[in-house]
N, C-alpha and C. Protein backbone atom coordinates (compact mmCIF):
# COMPACT_ATOMS: atom_id res chain seq x y z
N UNK A 1 62.04 138.59 78.53
CA UNK A 1 62.09 137.18 78.23
C UNK A 1 63.50 136.76 77.83
N UNK A 2 64.23 137.62 77.10
CA UNK A 2 65.59 137.30 76.70
C UNK A 2 66.51 137.16 77.90
N UNK A 3 66.31 138.00 78.92
CA UNK A 3 67.13 137.91 80.13
C UNK A 3 66.89 136.57 80.83
N UNK A 4 65.63 136.17 80.92
CA UNK A 4 65.29 134.91 81.55
C UNK A 4 65.93 133.74 80.80
N UNK A 5 65.88 133.77 79.50
CA UNK A 5 66.47 132.70 78.68
C UNK A 5 67.98 132.66 78.87
N UNK A 6 68.62 133.81 78.93
CA UNK A 6 70.08 133.85 79.13
C UNK A 6 70.44 133.33 80.52
N UNK A 7 69.65 133.71 81.51
CA UNK A 7 69.92 133.23 82.87
C UNK A 7 69.75 131.72 82.93
N UNK A 8 68.71 131.18 82.35
CA UNK A 8 68.48 129.74 82.34
C UNK A 8 69.58 129.00 81.58
N UNK A 9 70.01 129.56 80.46
CA UNK A 9 71.08 128.96 79.68
C UNK A 9 72.37 128.94 80.49
N UNK A 10 72.67 130.04 81.17
CA UNK A 10 73.87 130.12 82.01
C UNK A 10 73.80 129.13 83.17
N UNK A 11 72.65 129.02 83.80
CA UNK A 11 72.46 128.09 84.90
C UNK A 11 72.64 126.65 84.44
N UNK A 12 72.09 126.32 83.29
CA UNK A 12 72.24 124.96 82.74
C UNK A 12 73.70 124.67 82.41
N UNK A 13 74.42 125.65 81.89
CA UNK A 13 75.83 125.46 81.57
C UNK A 13 76.64 125.19 82.83
N UNK A 14 76.35 125.91 83.91
CA UNK A 14 77.06 125.69 85.18
C UNK A 14 76.76 124.31 85.73
N UNK A 15 75.50 123.93 85.72
CA UNK A 15 75.12 122.62 86.25
C UNK A 15 75.74 121.49 85.43
N UNK A 16 75.64 121.57 84.12
CA UNK A 16 76.21 120.52 83.26
C UNK A 16 77.72 120.50 83.35
N UNK A 17 78.33 121.64 83.45
CA UNK A 17 79.79 121.70 83.59
C UNK A 17 80.25 121.08 84.89
N UNK A 18 79.50 121.31 85.96
CA UNK A 18 79.83 120.71 87.25
C UNK A 18 79.66 119.21 87.25
N UNK A 19 78.68 118.72 86.53
CA UNK A 19 78.44 117.28 86.47
C UNK A 19 79.49 116.56 85.63
N UNK A 20 80.09 117.23 84.69
CA UNK A 20 81.04 116.56 83.81
C UNK A 20 82.41 116.41 84.45
N UNK A 21 82.68 117.12 85.54
CA UNK A 21 83.97 116.99 86.19
C UNK A 21 83.99 115.69 86.98
N UNK A 22 85.06 114.97 86.87
CA UNK A 22 85.22 113.75 87.63
C UNK A 22 86.22 113.97 88.74
N UNK A 23 86.11 113.21 89.78
CA UNK A 23 87.02 113.37 90.91
C UNK A 23 88.17 112.37 90.79
N UNK A 24 88.95 112.47 89.74
CA UNK A 24 90.09 111.59 89.55
C UNK A 24 91.26 112.09 90.39
N UNK A 25 91.94 111.13 91.03
CA UNK A 25 93.10 111.49 91.82
C UNK A 25 94.31 111.57 90.92
N UNK A 26 95.17 112.54 91.19
CA UNK A 26 96.30 112.80 90.33
C UNK A 26 97.45 111.80 90.52
N UNK A 27 97.47 111.07 91.61
CA UNK A 27 98.57 110.15 91.89
C UNK A 27 98.24 108.75 91.39
N UNK A 28 99.26 107.93 91.12
CA UNK A 28 99.00 106.54 90.71
C UNK A 28 98.30 105.77 91.85
N UNK A 29 97.48 104.82 91.49
CA UNK A 29 96.76 104.02 92.48
C UNK A 29 97.67 102.93 93.03
N UNK A 30 98.17 103.14 94.24
CA UNK A 30 99.02 102.16 94.90
C UNK A 30 98.22 101.26 95.84
N UNK A 31 97.07 101.72 96.28
CA UNK A 31 96.33 101.04 97.34
C UNK A 31 95.52 99.84 96.88
N UNK A 32 94.94 99.90 95.70
CA UNK A 32 94.02 98.84 95.27
C UNK A 32 94.68 97.47 95.24
N UNK A 33 95.89 97.38 94.75
CA UNK A 33 96.55 96.07 94.64
C UNK A 33 96.96 95.51 96.00
N UNK A 34 97.00 96.34 97.04
CA UNK A 34 97.37 95.88 98.38
C UNK A 34 96.16 95.58 99.26
N UNK A 35 94.98 96.00 98.84
CA UNK A 35 93.79 95.82 99.65
C UNK A 35 93.42 94.34 99.74
N UNK A 36 92.96 93.95 100.89
CA UNK A 36 92.53 92.57 101.09
C UNK A 36 92.48 92.21 102.55
N UNK A 37 92.15 90.96 102.80
CA UNK A 37 92.06 90.43 104.15
C UNK A 37 93.11 89.34 104.30
N UNK A 38 93.87 89.39 105.38
CA UNK A 38 95.02 88.50 105.55
C UNK A 38 94.99 87.87 106.94
N UNK A 39 95.29 86.56 107.00
CA UNK A 39 95.54 85.92 108.28
C UNK A 39 96.98 86.23 108.64
N UNK A 40 97.23 86.47 109.90
CA UNK A 40 98.56 86.88 110.31
C UNK A 40 98.98 86.18 111.59
N UNK A 41 100.27 86.01 111.74
CA UNK A 41 100.83 85.63 113.03
C UNK A 41 101.18 86.92 113.75
N UNK A 42 101.12 86.90 115.05
CA UNK A 42 101.37 88.13 115.79
C UNK A 42 102.35 87.91 116.94
N UNK A 43 102.95 89.00 117.36
CA UNK A 43 103.81 89.05 118.53
C UNK A 43 103.52 90.39 119.20
N UNK A 44 103.22 90.35 120.50
CA UNK A 44 102.95 91.57 121.26
C UNK A 44 104.04 91.72 122.30
N UNK A 45 104.68 92.89 122.31
CA UNK A 45 105.78 93.14 123.24
C UNK A 45 105.35 94.21 124.23
N UNK A 46 105.58 93.94 125.50
CA UNK A 46 105.30 94.91 126.56
C UNK A 46 106.44 95.93 126.58
N UNK A 47 106.14 97.23 126.47
CA UNK A 47 107.19 98.23 126.37
C UNK A 47 108.02 98.41 127.64
N UNK A 48 107.44 98.15 128.81
CA UNK A 48 108.19 98.36 130.04
C UNK A 48 109.16 97.23 130.33
N UNK A 49 108.73 95.99 130.11
CA UNK A 49 109.59 94.85 130.41
C UNK A 49 110.37 94.36 129.21
N UNK A 50 110.01 94.81 128.02
CA UNK A 50 110.59 94.33 126.76
C UNK A 50 110.39 92.83 126.58
N UNK A 51 109.41 92.27 127.27
CA UNK A 51 109.07 90.86 127.15
C UNK A 51 107.91 90.70 126.16
N UNK A 52 107.85 89.54 125.56
CA UNK A 52 106.76 89.25 124.63
C UNK A 52 105.81 88.24 125.28
N UNK A 53 104.82 88.75 126.03
CA UNK A 53 103.91 87.85 126.73
C UNK A 53 102.92 87.14 125.82
N UNK A 54 102.75 87.63 124.60
CA UNK A 54 101.71 87.06 123.74
C UNK A 54 102.22 86.86 122.33
N UNK A 55 101.93 85.70 121.78
CA UNK A 55 102.19 85.45 120.36
C UNK A 55 101.23 84.35 119.92
N UNK A 56 100.95 84.34 118.63
CA UNK A 56 100.04 83.33 118.12
C UNK A 56 99.69 83.59 116.68
N UNK A 57 98.66 82.91 116.20
CA UNK A 57 98.31 83.03 114.79
C UNK A 57 96.84 83.33 114.54
N UNK A 58 96.07 83.59 115.59
CA UNK A 58 94.64 83.85 115.39
C UNK A 58 94.38 85.35 115.25
N UNK A 59 94.90 85.91 114.17
CA UNK A 59 94.69 87.33 113.94
C UNK A 59 94.31 87.56 112.48
N UNK A 60 93.65 88.68 112.26
CA UNK A 60 93.17 89.03 110.95
C UNK A 60 93.54 90.49 110.68
N UNK A 61 94.12 90.73 109.51
CA UNK A 61 94.47 92.09 109.10
C UNK A 61 93.67 92.41 107.86
N UNK A 62 92.94 93.51 107.89
CA UNK A 62 92.14 93.98 106.76
C UNK A 62 92.77 95.27 106.26
N UNK A 63 93.19 95.28 104.99
CA UNK A 63 93.72 96.49 104.36
C UNK A 63 92.64 97.01 103.41
N UNK A 64 92.21 98.24 103.66
CA UNK A 64 91.16 98.84 102.83
C UNK A 64 91.70 100.09 102.17
N UNK A 65 91.36 100.25 100.90
CA UNK A 65 91.78 101.43 100.16
C UNK A 65 91.00 102.65 100.63
N UNK A 66 91.72 103.67 101.11
CA UNK A 66 91.06 104.93 101.45
C UNK A 66 91.14 105.86 100.24
N UNK A 67 92.33 105.95 99.63
CA UNK A 67 92.53 106.69 98.39
C UNK A 67 93.74 106.09 97.70
N UNK A 68 94.25 106.73 96.67
CA UNK A 68 95.34 106.14 95.87
C UNK A 68 96.59 105.80 96.67
N UNK A 69 96.89 106.57 97.72
CA UNK A 69 98.13 106.30 98.44
C UNK A 69 97.92 106.13 99.94
N UNK A 70 96.72 105.77 100.36
CA UNK A 70 96.46 105.57 101.79
C UNK A 70 95.62 104.32 102.00
N UNK A 71 96.03 103.52 102.97
CA UNK A 71 95.28 102.34 103.39
C UNK A 71 94.72 102.55 104.78
N UNK A 72 93.52 102.05 105.02
CA UNK A 72 92.99 101.93 106.37
C UNK A 72 93.29 100.51 106.81
N UNK A 73 93.96 100.38 107.95
CA UNK A 73 94.39 99.07 108.43
C UNK A 73 93.58 98.72 109.67
N UNK A 74 92.93 97.57 109.61
CA UNK A 74 92.17 97.07 110.74
C UNK A 74 92.80 95.77 111.21
N UNK A 75 93.11 95.70 112.49
CA UNK A 75 93.76 94.53 113.08
C UNK A 75 92.82 93.94 114.13
N UNK A 76 92.55 92.64 114.00
CA UNK A 76 91.72 91.95 114.98
C UNK A 76 92.45 90.70 115.42
N UNK A 77 92.68 90.60 116.72
CA UNK A 77 93.27 89.40 117.30
C UNK A 77 92.25 88.87 118.30
N UNK A 78 91.86 87.62 118.12
CA UNK A 78 90.90 86.97 119.00
C UNK A 78 91.50 85.62 119.36
N UNK A 79 92.38 85.64 120.33
CA UNK A 79 93.18 84.46 120.66
C UNK A 79 93.13 84.23 122.17
N UNK A 80 92.02 83.69 122.63
CA UNK A 80 91.87 83.45 124.07
C UNK A 80 91.92 84.75 124.85
N UNK A 81 92.87 84.86 125.78
CA UNK A 81 92.93 86.08 126.59
C UNK A 81 93.44 87.30 125.81
N UNK A 82 94.02 87.08 124.65
CA UNK A 82 94.54 88.19 123.86
C UNK A 82 93.45 88.69 122.93
N UNK A 83 93.01 89.90 123.17
CA UNK A 83 91.96 90.53 122.36
C UNK A 83 92.46 91.89 121.90
N UNK A 84 92.56 92.08 120.59
CA UNK A 84 93.00 93.36 120.02
C UNK A 84 92.02 93.72 118.91
N UNK A 85 91.64 94.98 118.88
CA UNK A 85 90.77 95.48 117.82
C UNK A 85 91.23 96.91 117.53
N UNK A 86 92.17 97.07 116.61
CA UNK A 86 92.78 98.37 116.32
C UNK A 86 92.51 98.78 114.88
N UNK A 87 92.57 100.10 114.67
CA UNK A 87 92.37 100.65 113.33
C UNK A 87 93.22 101.90 113.20
N UNK A 88 93.93 102.01 112.08
CA UNK A 88 94.72 103.20 111.79
C UNK A 88 94.92 103.33 110.28
N UNK A 89 95.45 104.48 109.87
CA UNK A 89 95.71 104.72 108.45
C UNK A 89 97.21 104.82 108.22
N UNK A 90 97.64 104.37 107.05
CA UNK A 90 99.05 104.43 106.68
C UNK A 90 99.17 104.91 105.23
N UNK A 91 100.16 105.74 105.00
CA UNK A 91 100.43 106.26 103.66
C UNK A 91 101.40 105.31 102.97
N UNK A 92 101.11 105.00 101.70
CA UNK A 92 101.90 104.06 100.90
C UNK A 92 102.89 104.83 100.02
N UNK A 93 104.14 104.39 100.01
CA UNK A 93 105.11 104.93 99.05
C UNK A 93 105.87 103.75 98.44
N UNK A 94 106.08 103.78 97.13
CA UNK A 94 106.86 102.70 96.52
C UNK A 94 108.32 102.82 96.93
N UNK A 95 108.99 101.70 96.99
CA UNK A 95 110.42 101.68 97.30
C UNK A 95 111.10 100.72 96.35
N UNK A 96 112.42 100.68 96.39
CA UNK A 96 113.15 99.84 95.43
C UNK A 96 113.05 98.36 95.80
N UNK A 97 113.35 97.51 94.83
CA UNK A 97 113.23 96.07 95.04
C UNK A 97 114.38 95.49 95.84
N UNK A 98 115.48 96.22 95.95
CA UNK A 98 116.60 95.72 96.75
C UNK A 98 116.20 95.72 98.22
N UNK A 99 116.82 94.89 98.97
CA UNK A 99 116.55 94.82 100.39
C UNK A 99 115.37 93.95 100.75
N UNK A 100 114.87 93.19 99.79
CA UNK A 100 113.76 92.29 100.07
C UNK A 100 114.29 91.13 100.88
N UNK A 101 113.90 91.06 102.13
CA UNK A 101 114.38 90.00 103.00
C UNK A 101 113.69 88.67 102.80
N UNK A 102 112.57 88.66 102.08
CA UNK A 102 111.84 87.41 101.89
C UNK A 102 112.45 86.52 100.83
N UNK A 103 113.07 87.13 99.82
CA UNK A 103 113.74 86.40 98.73
C UNK A 103 112.83 85.38 98.04
N UNK A 104 111.58 85.74 97.83
CA UNK A 104 110.63 84.88 97.13
C UNK A 104 110.61 85.33 95.68
N UNK A 105 110.73 84.40 94.72
CA UNK A 105 110.73 84.78 93.31
C UNK A 105 109.41 85.45 92.90
N UNK A 106 109.48 86.32 91.90
CA UNK A 106 108.29 86.95 91.35
C UNK A 106 107.93 88.28 91.98
N UNK A 107 108.86 88.88 92.70
CA UNK A 107 108.58 90.17 93.34
C UNK A 107 108.33 91.23 92.28
N UNK A 108 107.19 91.92 92.37
CA UNK A 108 106.83 92.96 91.41
C UNK A 108 107.08 94.36 91.96
N UNK A 109 106.66 94.58 93.20
CA UNK A 109 106.79 95.91 93.80
C UNK A 109 106.96 95.78 95.30
N UNK A 110 107.64 96.77 95.86
CA UNK A 110 107.76 96.88 97.32
C UNK A 110 107.23 98.24 97.74
N UNK A 111 106.59 98.27 98.90
CA UNK A 111 105.99 99.50 99.39
C UNK A 111 106.32 99.70 100.86
N UNK A 112 106.54 100.94 101.23
CA UNK A 112 106.64 101.31 102.63
C UNK A 112 105.30 101.89 103.06
N UNK A 113 104.89 101.58 104.27
CA UNK A 113 103.69 102.15 104.86
C UNK A 113 104.14 103.00 106.04
N UNK A 114 103.72 104.25 106.04
CA UNK A 114 104.14 105.18 107.09
C UNK A 114 102.92 105.68 107.84
N UNK A 115 103.01 105.66 109.16
CA UNK A 115 101.92 106.15 110.01
C UNK A 115 102.52 106.63 111.34
N UNK A 116 101.85 107.53 112.01
CA UNK A 116 102.38 108.06 113.28
C UNK A 116 102.53 107.02 114.38
N UNK A 117 101.73 105.96 114.36
CA UNK A 117 101.77 104.97 115.44
C UNK A 117 102.64 103.76 115.13
N UNK A 118 103.52 103.85 114.16
CA UNK A 118 104.28 102.65 113.78
C UNK A 118 105.52 102.41 114.64
N UNK A 119 105.85 103.33 115.51
CA UNK A 119 106.87 103.05 116.52
C UNK A 119 106.71 104.01 117.69
N UNK A 120 107.47 103.81 118.74
CA UNK A 120 107.31 104.63 119.95
C UNK A 120 107.78 106.07 119.75
N UNK A 121 108.56 106.34 118.75
CA UNK A 121 109.07 107.69 118.53
C UNK A 121 108.08 108.57 117.78
N UNK A 122 106.98 108.03 117.33
CA UNK A 122 105.94 108.85 116.73
C UNK A 122 105.79 108.72 115.23
N UNK A 123 106.73 108.13 114.55
CA UNK A 123 106.54 107.86 113.12
C UNK A 123 107.44 106.69 112.75
N UNK A 124 106.96 105.86 111.89
CA UNK A 124 107.74 104.70 111.52
C UNK A 124 107.25 104.11 110.22
N UNK A 125 107.91 103.04 109.82
CA UNK A 125 107.64 102.45 108.52
C UNK A 125 107.47 100.94 108.67
N UNK A 126 106.46 100.41 108.01
CA UNK A 126 106.30 98.97 107.81
C UNK A 126 106.43 98.73 106.32
N UNK A 127 106.53 97.46 105.91
CA UNK A 127 106.70 97.21 104.47
C UNK A 127 105.85 96.05 103.99
N UNK A 128 105.43 96.16 102.72
CA UNK A 128 104.65 95.12 102.06
C UNK A 128 105.25 94.85 100.69
N UNK A 129 105.22 93.60 100.26
CA UNK A 129 105.70 93.20 98.95
C UNK A 129 104.53 92.70 98.12
N UNK A 130 104.50 93.09 96.85
CA UNK A 130 103.49 92.63 95.91
C UNK A 130 104.19 91.77 94.87
N UNK A 131 103.64 90.57 94.61
CA UNK A 131 104.25 89.62 93.69
C UNK A 131 103.48 89.54 92.38
N UNK A 132 104.13 88.97 91.36
CA UNK A 132 103.54 88.87 90.02
C UNK A 132 102.20 88.13 90.03
N UNK A 133 102.03 87.19 90.94
CA UNK A 133 100.78 86.43 91.01
C UNK A 133 99.69 87.16 91.80
N UNK A 134 99.98 88.41 92.23
CA UNK A 134 99.00 89.21 92.96
C UNK A 134 99.03 89.02 94.46
N UNK A 135 99.88 88.13 94.96
CA UNK A 135 99.96 87.90 96.40
C UNK A 135 100.68 89.05 97.09
N UNK A 136 100.22 89.35 98.29
CA UNK A 136 100.84 90.38 99.12
C UNK A 136 101.43 89.69 100.34
N UNK A 137 102.69 89.98 100.62
CA UNK A 137 103.36 89.43 101.79
C UNK A 137 104.08 90.57 102.49
N UNK A 138 104.23 90.43 103.77
CA UNK A 138 104.96 91.47 104.48
C UNK A 138 104.62 91.48 105.94
N UNK A 139 104.91 92.62 106.53
CA UNK A 139 104.68 92.75 107.95
C UNK A 139 104.34 94.17 108.35
N UNK A 140 103.59 94.25 109.41
CA UNK A 140 103.23 95.53 109.99
C UNK A 140 103.64 95.49 111.45
N UNK A 141 104.11 96.58 111.94
CA UNK A 141 104.39 96.72 113.37
C UNK A 141 103.90 98.10 113.77
N UNK A 142 103.19 98.16 114.88
CA UNK A 142 102.66 99.44 115.34
C UNK A 142 102.54 99.43 116.85
N UNK A 143 102.38 100.60 117.42
CA UNK A 143 102.16 100.75 118.85
C UNK A 143 100.69 101.05 119.06
N UNK A 144 100.03 100.22 119.87
CA UNK A 144 98.60 100.42 120.09
C UNK A 144 98.36 101.48 121.16
N UNK A 145 97.10 101.72 121.49
CA UNK A 145 96.74 102.80 122.42
C UNK A 145 97.25 102.56 123.84
N UNK A 146 97.56 101.30 124.20
CA UNK A 146 98.09 101.03 125.54
C UNK A 146 99.61 101.01 125.56
N UNK A 147 100.23 101.30 124.43
CA UNK A 147 101.68 101.36 124.35
C UNK A 147 102.36 100.06 124.01
N UNK A 148 101.61 99.02 123.73
CA UNK A 148 102.21 97.73 123.36
C UNK A 148 102.63 97.77 121.92
N UNK A 149 103.77 97.14 121.62
CA UNK A 149 104.25 97.00 120.25
C UNK A 149 103.66 95.71 119.68
N UNK A 150 102.87 95.85 118.61
CA UNK A 150 102.25 94.70 117.98
C UNK A 150 102.87 94.50 116.62
N UNK A 151 103.43 93.31 116.41
CA UNK A 151 104.06 92.96 115.12
C UNK A 151 103.21 91.87 114.47
N UNK A 152 102.96 92.05 113.17
CA UNK A 152 102.16 91.10 112.41
C UNK A 152 102.90 90.69 111.15
N UNK A 153 102.88 89.42 110.84
CA UNK A 153 103.48 88.92 109.60
C UNK A 153 102.40 88.14 108.86
N UNK A 154 102.26 88.41 107.57
CA UNK A 154 101.21 87.74 106.82
C UNK A 154 101.60 87.50 105.37
N UNK A 155 100.87 86.56 104.79
CA UNK A 155 101.01 86.23 103.37
C UNK A 155 99.64 85.83 102.88
N UNK A 156 99.32 86.24 101.65
CA UNK A 156 98.03 85.88 101.08
C UNK A 156 98.19 84.66 100.23
């Protein structure tokens, strides 16, 4: 009976110990403040002709938090003959406040987003700015599965 009690006590200790562990990520949460849905203007460039046959403003960009330093980016363009429905992930890294081309007062943080499809060479960077009022402004540019360069500019 003592062996059974010891085994049960040990089993309960393992189970309770496993339940008390939390899955906290060790890195600061960069993704939550950037998550949201944004209306965007777009420009699509054909890689062979270097011409921009399509541009407009009927696009939607959804940034979803995957983890503390990764966003899932969903791009939807529904603009007459232009139809785009893309999804990819980008890693977020903070960068310095210098070099902000928007020059809008209240800039709190700047971030680079890195993903393999952000340029034709296989890796590239887009950037987003976070302001004191919680607004996110910036741009994304990526190469879609057909090789077109899609540039998006948005502000919340």
